[in-house]
Amino acid sequence: MRARLGATEVEVVDERTCRLRLTDTVEYLAFHLVQLGCEFEVHEPREVLEHLREVHGRIGRAIDG
């Protein structure tokens, strides 16, 4: 994760879960989280959550045509 996302801190939670601390633009973080190809949760910052919601809306509109 550190290499793929540039995480400044990686905390192992269990054998399938880790917590990352990232520093970059909101758009960069959202894009790379989606590109991981795995489930993830964003706890903060609020701006990343808002950006992911915006992207979710755009994708939904594109799919629904």
PDB file of N, CA and C in Angstrom:
ATOM      1  N   MET A   1       0.816  -1.182   0.000  1.00  0.00           N
ATOM      2  CA  MET A   1       0.000   0.000   0.000  1.00  0.00           C
ATOM      3  C   MET A   1       0.863   1.251   0.000  1.00  0.00           C
ATOM      4  N   ARG A   2       1.916   1.194   0.751  1.00  0.00           N
ATOM      5  CA  ARG A   2       2.794   2.368   0.815  1.00  0.00           C
ATOM      6  C   ARG A   2       3.312   2.722  -0.573  1.00  0.00           C
ATOM      7  N   ALA A   3       3.745   1.735  -1.325  1.00  0.00           N
ATOM      8  CA  ALA A   3       4.289   2.001  -2.649  1.00  0.00           C
ATOM      9  C   ALA A   3       3.212   2.407  -3.650  1.00  0.00           C
ATOM     10  N   ARG A   4       2.048   1.756  -3.595  1.00  0.00           N
ATOM     11  CA  ARG A   4       0.984   2.035  -4.571  1.00  0.00           C
ATOM     12  C   ARG A   4       0.297   3.364  -4.335  1.00  0.00           C
ATOM     13  N   LEU A   5       0.176   3.776  -3.086  1.00  0.00           N
ATOM     14  CA  LEU A   5      -0.569   4.994  -2.779  1.00  0.00           C
ATOM     15  C   LEU A   5       0.277   6.110  -2.202  1.00  0.00           C
ATOM     16  N   GLY A   6       1.516   5.836  -1.913  1.00  0.00           N
ATOM     17  CA  GLY A   6       2.343   6.852  -1.286  1.00  0.00           C
ATOM     18  C   GLY A   6       1.925   7.107   0.157  1.00  0.00           C
ATOM     19  N   ALA A   7       1.454   6.051   0.817  1.00  0.00           N
ATOM     20  CA  ALA A   7       0.999   6.193   2.204  1.00  0.00           C
ATOM     21  C   ALA A   7       2.162   6.594   3.093  1.00  0.00           C
ATOM     22  N   THR A   8       1.920   7.561   3.933  1.00  0.00           N
ATOM     23  CA  THR A   8       2.968   7.985   4.851  1.00  0.00           C
ATOM     24  C   THR A   8       2.993   7.121   6.098  1.00  0.00           C
ATOM     25  N   GLU A   9       1.874   6.464   6.379  1.00  0.00           N
ATOM     26  CA  GLU A   9       1.794   5.593   7.553  1.00  0.00           C
ATOM     27  C   GLU A   9       0.856   4.439   7.247  1.00  0.00           C
ATOM     28  N   VAL A  10       1.306   3.211   7.486  1.00  0.00           N
ATOM     29  CA  VAL A  10       0.474   2.025   7.288  1.00  0.00           C
ATOM     30  C   VAL A  10       0.397   1.301   8.622  1.00  0.00           C
ATOM     31  N   GLU A  11      -0.833   1.128   9.116  1.00  0.00           N
ATOM     32  CA  GLU A  11      -1.055   0.432  10.384  1.00  0.00           C
ATOM     33  C   GLU A  11      -1.796  -0.866  10.088  1.00  0.00           C
ATOM     34  N   VAL A  12      -1.225  -1.993  10.471  1.00  0.00           N
ATOM     35  CA  VAL A  12      -1.878  -3.283  10.280  1.00  0.00           C
ATOM     36  C   VAL A  12      -2.965  -3.426  11.339  1.00  0.00           C
ATOM     37  N   VAL A  13      -4.205  -3.684  10.879  1.00  0.00           N
ATOM     38  CA  VAL A  13      -5.326  -3.878  11.792  1.00  0.00           C
ATOM     39  C   VAL A  13      -5.510  -5.362  12.064  1.00  0.00           C
ATOM     40  N   ASP A  14      -5.509  -6.177  11.013  1.00  0.00           N
ATOM     41  CA  ASP A  14      -5.539  -7.634  11.120  1.00  0.00           C
ATOM     42  C   ASP A  14      -4.946  -8.194   9.836  1.00  0.00           C
ATOM     43  N   GLU A  15      -5.072  -9.484   9.611  1.00  0.00           N
ATOM     44  CA  GLU A  15      -4.400 -10.075   8.448  1.00  0.00           C
ATOM     45  C   GLU A  15      -5.018  -9.662   7.112  1.00  0.00           C
ATOM     46  N   ARG A  16      -6.218  -9.070   7.127  1.00  0.00           N
ATOM     47  CA  ARG A  16      -6.862  -8.636   5.889  1.00  0.00           C
ATOM     48  C   ARG A  16      -7.113  -7.136   5.823  1.00  0.00           C
ATOM     49  N   THR A  17      -6.739  -6.405   6.864  1.00  0.00           N
ATOM     50  CA  THR A  17      -7.099  -4.987   6.953  1.00  0.00           C
ATOM     51  C   THR A  17      -5.906  -4.150   7.379  1.00  0.00           C
ATOM     52  N   CYS A  18      -5.794  -2.966   6.770  1.00  0.00           N
ATOM     53  CA  CYS A  18      -4.793  -2.001   7.208  1.00  0.00           C
ATOM     54  C   CYS A  18      -5.410  -0.612   7.181  1.00  0.00           C
ATOM     55  N   ARG A  19      -4.810   0.281   7.907  1.00  0.00           N
ATOM     56  CA  ARG A  19      -5.255   1.679   7.956  1.00  0.00           C
ATOM     57  C   ARG A  19      -4.121   2.521   7.380  1.00  0.00           C
ATOM     58  N   LEU A  20      -4.474   3.398   6.442  1.00  0.00           N
ATOM     59  CA  LEU A  20      -3.481   4.227   5.781  1.00  0.00           C
ATOM     60  C   LEU A  20      -3.664   5.684   6.152  1.00  0.00           C
ATOM     61  N   ARG A  21      -2.577   6.394   6.223  1.00  0.00           N
ATOM     62  CA  ARG A  21      -2.609   7.845   6.348  1.00  0.00           C
ATOM     63  C   ARG A  21      -1.937   8.377   5.088  1.00  0.00           C
ATOM     64  N   LEU A  22      -2.709   9.145   4.329  1.00  0.00           N
ATOM     65  CA  LEU A  22      -2.250   9.622   3.037  1.00  0.00           C
ATOM     66  C   LEU A  22      -2.249  11.132   2.997  1.00  0.00           C
ATOM     67  N   THR A  23      -1.349  11.680   2.216  1.00  0.00           N
ATOM     68  CA  THR A  23      -1.319  13.129   2.017  1.00  0.00           C
ATOM     69  C   THR A  23      -1.168  13.403   0.529  1.00  0.00           C
ATOM     70  N   ASP A  24      -2.210  13.940  -0.065  1.00  0.00           N
ATOM     71  CA  ASP A  24      -2.193  14.330  -1.472  1.00  0.00           C
ATOM     72  C   ASP A  24      -3.492  15.055  -1.763  1.00  0.00           C
ATOM     73  N   THR A  25      -3.760  15.324  -3.030  1.00  0.00           N
ATOM     74  CA  THR A  25      -4.997  16.021  -3.370  1.00  0.00           C
ATOM     75  C   THR A  25      -6.191  15.087  -3.203  1.00  0.00           C
ATOM     76  N   VAL A  26      -7.350  15.666  -2.998  1.00  0.00           N
ATOM     77  CA  VAL A  26      -8.585  14.910  -2.850  1.00  0.00           C
ATOM     78  C   VAL A  26      -8.820  14.032  -4.081  1.00  0.00           C
ATOM     79  N   GLU A  27      -8.642  14.591  -5.253  1.00  0.00           N
ATOM     80  CA  GLU A  27      -8.872  13.862  -6.499  1.00  0.00           C
ATOM     81  C   GLU A  27      -7.909  12.679  -6.637  1.00  0.00           C
ATOM     82  N   TYR A  28      -6.657  12.905  -6.312  1.00  0.00           N
ATOM     83  CA  TYR A  28      -5.651  11.839  -6.387  1.00  0.00           C
ATOM     84  C   TYR A  28      -6.007  10.703  -5.451  1.00  0.00           C
ATOM     85  N   LEU A  29      -6.333  11.033  -4.216  1.00  0.00           N
ATOM     86  CA  LEU A  29      -6.653   9.996  -3.234  1.00  0.00           C
ATOM     87  C   LEU A  29      -7.874   9.197  -3.648  1.00  0.00           C
ATOM     88  N   ALA A  30      -8.931   9.878  -4.072  1.00  0.00           N
ATOM     89  CA  ALA A  30     -10.157   9.189  -4.477  1.00  0.00           C
ATOM     90  C   ALA A  30      -9.889   8.263  -5.663  1.00  0.00           C
ATOM     91  N   PHE A  31      -9.197   8.767  -6.666  1.00  0.00           N
ATOM     92  CA  PHE A  31      -8.899   7.965  -7.852  1.00  0.00           C
ATOM     93  C   PHE A  31      -8.128   6.703  -7.482  1.00  0.00           C
ATOM     94  N   HIS A  32      -7.093   6.857  -6.711  1.00  0.00           N
ATOM     95  CA  HIS A  32      -6.252   5.702  -6.392  1.00  0.00           C
ATOM     96  C   HIS A  32      -6.928   4.725  -5.445  1.00  0.00           C
ATOM     97  N   LEU A  33      -7.778   5.195  -4.567  1.00  0.00           N
ATOM     98  CA  LEU A  33      -8.537   4.269  -3.724  1.00  0.00           C
ATOM     99  C   LEU A  33      -9.447   3.396  -4.584  1.00  0.00           C
ATOM    100  N   VAL A  34     -10.116   4.004  -5.540  1.00  0.00           N
ATOM    101  CA  VAL A  34     -11.015   3.249  -6.418  1.00  0.00           C
ATOM    102  C   VAL A  34     -10.220   2.252  -7.262  1.00  0.00           C
ATOM    103  N   GLN A  35      -9.032   2.624  -7.689  1.00  0.00           N
ATOM    104  CA  GLN A  35      -8.212   1.773  -8.546  1.00  0.00           C
ATOM    105  C   GLN A  35      -7.596   0.580  -7.820  1.00  0.00           C
ATOM    106  N   LEU A  36      -7.669   0.546  -6.502  1.00  0.00           N
ATOM    107  CA  LEU A  36      -7.066  -0.566  -5.756  1.00  0.00           C
ATOM    108  C   LEU A  36      -7.708  -1.910  -6.080  1.00  0.00           C
ATOM    109  N   GLY A  37      -8.983  -1.892  -6.438  1.00  0.00           N
ATOM    110  CA  GLY A  37      -9.659  -3.149  -6.759  1.00  0.00           C
ATOM    111  C   GLY A  37     -10.048  -3.952  -5.533  1.00  0.00           C
ATOM    112  N   CYS A  38     -10.247  -3.281  -4.415  1.00  0.00           N
ATOM    113  CA  CYS A  38     -10.659  -3.961  -3.191  1.00  0.00           C
ATOM    114  C   CYS A  38     -11.620  -3.061  -2.418  1.00  0.00           C
ATOM    115  N   GLU A  39     -12.280  -3.628  -1.433  1.00  0.00           N
ATOM    116  CA  GLU A  39     -13.168  -2.845  -0.584  1.00  0.00           C
ATOM    117  C   GLU A  39     -12.337  -1.871   0.248  1.00  0.00           C
ATOM    118  N   PHE A  40     -12.899  -0.692   0.510  1.00  0.00           N
ATOM    119  CA  PHE A  40     -12.213   0.265   1.372  1.00  0.00           C
ATOM    120  C   PHE A  40     -13.238   1.146   2.058  1.00  0.00           C
ATOM    121  N   GLU A  41     -12.830   1.766   3.134  1.00  0.00           N
ATOM    122  CA  GLU A  41     -13.637   2.740   3.860  1.00  0.00           C
ATOM    123  C   GLU A  41     -12.821   3.997   4.029  1.00  0.00           C
ATOM    124  N   VAL A  42     -13.463   5.141   3.842  1.00  0.00           N
ATOM    125  CA  VAL A  42     -12.807   6.422   4.077  1.00  0.00           C
ATOM    126  C   VAL A  42     -13.407   7.008   5.344  1.00  0.00           C
ATOM    127  N   HIS A  43     -12.568   7.284   6.319  1.00  0.00           N
ATOM    128  CA  HIS A  43     -13.024   7.855   7.583  1.00  0.00           C
ATOM    129  C   HIS A  43     -12.861   9.372   7.605  1.00  0.00           C
ATOM    130  N   GLU A  44     -11.853   9.843   6.964  1.00  0.00           N
ATOM    131  CA  GLU A  44     -11.597  11.273   6.856  1.00  0.00           C
ATOM    132  C   GLU A  44     -10.502  11.472   5.828  1.00  0.00           C
ATOM    133  N   PRO A  45     -10.352  12.590   5.254  1.00  0.00           N
ATOM    134  CA  PRO A  45     -11.068  13.829   5.503  1.00  0.00           C
ATOM    135  C   PRO A  45     -12.426  13.838   4.798  1.00  0.00           C
ATOM    136  N   ARG A  46     -13.288  14.681   5.265  1.00  0.00           N
ATOM    137  CA  ARG A  46     -14.637  14.831   4.733  1.00  0.00           C
ATOM    138  C   ARG A  46     -14.603  15.159   3.243  1.00  0.00           C
ATOM    139  N   GLU A  47     -13.598  15.900   2.802  1.00  0.00           N
ATOM    140  CA  GLU A  47     -13.496  16.295   1.399  1.00  0.00           C
ATOM    141  C   GLU A  47     -13.353  15.084   0.474  1.00  0.00           C
ATOM    142  N   VAL A  48     -12.648  14.051   0.918  1.00  0.00           N
ATOM    143  CA  VAL A  48     -12.516  12.844   0.092  1.00  0.00           C
ATOM    144  C   VAL A  48     -13.869  12.146  -0.003  1.00  0.00           C
ATOM    145  N   LEU A  49     -14.591  12.067   1.105  1.00  0.00           N
ATOM    146  CA  LEU A  49     -15.930  11.470   1.086  1.00  0.00           C
ATOM    147  C   LEU A  49     -16.847  12.228   0.129  1.00  0.00           C
ATOM    148  N   GLU A  50     -16.822  13.533   0.187  1.00  0.00           N
ATOM    149  CA  GLU A  50     -17.663  14.347  -0.694  1.00  0.00           C
ATOM    150  C   GLU A  50     -17.290  14.137  -2.157  1.00  0.00           C
ATOM    151  N   HIS A  51     -15.996  14.069  -2.431  1.00  0.00           N
ATOM    152  CA  HIS A  51     -15.556  13.869  -3.814  1.00  0.00           C
ATOM    153  C   HIS A  51     -15.995  12.491  -4.315  1.00  0.00           C
ATOM    154  N   LEU A  52     -15.866  11.462  -3.498  1.00  0.00           N
ATOM    155  CA  LEU A  52     -16.305  10.128  -3.899  1.00  0.00           C
ATOM    156  C   LEU A  52     -17.809  10.102  -4.156  1.00  0.00           C
ATOM    157  N   ARG A  53     -18.581  10.837  -3.367  1.00  0.00           N
ATOM    158  CA  ARG A  53     -20.035  10.920  -3.613  1.00  0.00           C
ATOM    159  C   ARG A  53     -20.321  11.593  -4.958  1.00  0.00           C
ATOM    160  N   GLU A  54     -19.592  12.636  -5.275  1.00  0.00           N
ATOM    161  CA  GLU A  54     -19.762  13.309  -6.567  1.00  0.00           C
ATOM    162  C   GLU A  54     -19.446  12.364  -7.721  1.00  0.00           C
ATOM    163  N   VAL A  55     -18.339  11.645  -7.598  1.00  0.00           N
ATOM    164  CA  VAL A  55     -17.939  10.698  -8.641  1.00  0.00           C
ATOM    165  C   VAL A  55     -18.993   9.585  -8.755  1.00  0.00           C
ATOM    166  N   HIS A  56     -19.485   9.111  -7.625  1.00  0.00           N
ATOM    167  CA  HIS A  56     -20.528   8.084  -7.613  1.00  0.00           C
ATOM    168  C   HIS A  56     -21.746   8.579  -8.399  1.00  0.00           C
ATOM    169  N   GLY A  57     -22.144   9.816  -8.197  1.00  0.00           N
ATOM    170  CA  GLY A  57     -23.276  10.374  -8.929  1.00  0.00           C
ATOM    171  C   GLY A  57     -23.032  10.426 -10.414  1.00  0.00           C
ATOM    172  N   ARG A  58     -21.831  10.855 -10.812  1.00  0.00           N
ATOM    173  CA  ARG A  58     -21.497  10.911 -12.245  1.00  0.00           C
ATOM    174  C   ARG A  58     -21.503   9.534 -12.891  1.00  0.00           C
ATOM    175  N   ILE A  59     -20.951   8.557 -12.172  1.00  0.00           N
ATOM    176  CA  ILE A  59     -20.925   7.193 -12.695  1.00  0.00           C
ATOM    177  C   ILE A  59     -22.344   6.653 -12.823  1.00  0.00           C
ATOM    178  N   GLY A  60     -23.177   6.907 -11.809  1.00  0.00           N
ATOM    179  CA  GLY A  60     -24.560   6.452 -11.867  1.00  0.00           C
ATOM    180  C   GLY A  60     -25.308   7.042 -13.041  1.00  0.00           C
ATOM    181  N   ARG A  61     -25.121   8.335 -13.282  1.00  0.00           N
ATOM    182  CA  ARG A  61     -25.774   8.996 -14.415  1.00  0.00           C
ATOM    183  C   ARG A  61     -25.262   8.440 -15.744  1.00  0.00           C
ATOM    184  N   ALA A  62     -23.986   8.130 -15.818  1.00  0.00           N
ATOM    185  CA  ALA A  62     -23.415   7.574 -17.044  1.00  0.00           C
ATOM    186  C   ALA A  62     -23.970   6.178 -17.329  1.00  0.00           C
ATOM    187  N   ILE A  63     -24.135   5.389 -16.297  1.00  0.00           N
ATOM    188  CA  ILE A  63     -24.638   4.017 -16.458  1.00  0.00           C
ATOM    189  C   ILE A  63     -26.120   4.042 -16.806  1.00  0.00           C
ATOM    190  N   ASP A  64     -26.870   4.901 -16.129  1.00  0.00           N
ATOM    191  CA  ASP A  64     -28.321   4.948 -16.333  1.00  0.00           C
ATOM    192  C   ASP A  64     -28.698   5.647 -17.630  1.00  0.00           C
ATOM    193  N   GLY A  65     -27.735   6.347 -18.211  1.00  0.00           N
ATOM    194  CA  GLY A  65     -27.895   6.968 -19.497  1.00  0.00           C
ATOM    195  C   GLY A  65     -28.817   8.124 -19.513  1.00  0.00           C
TER     196      GLY A  65
END
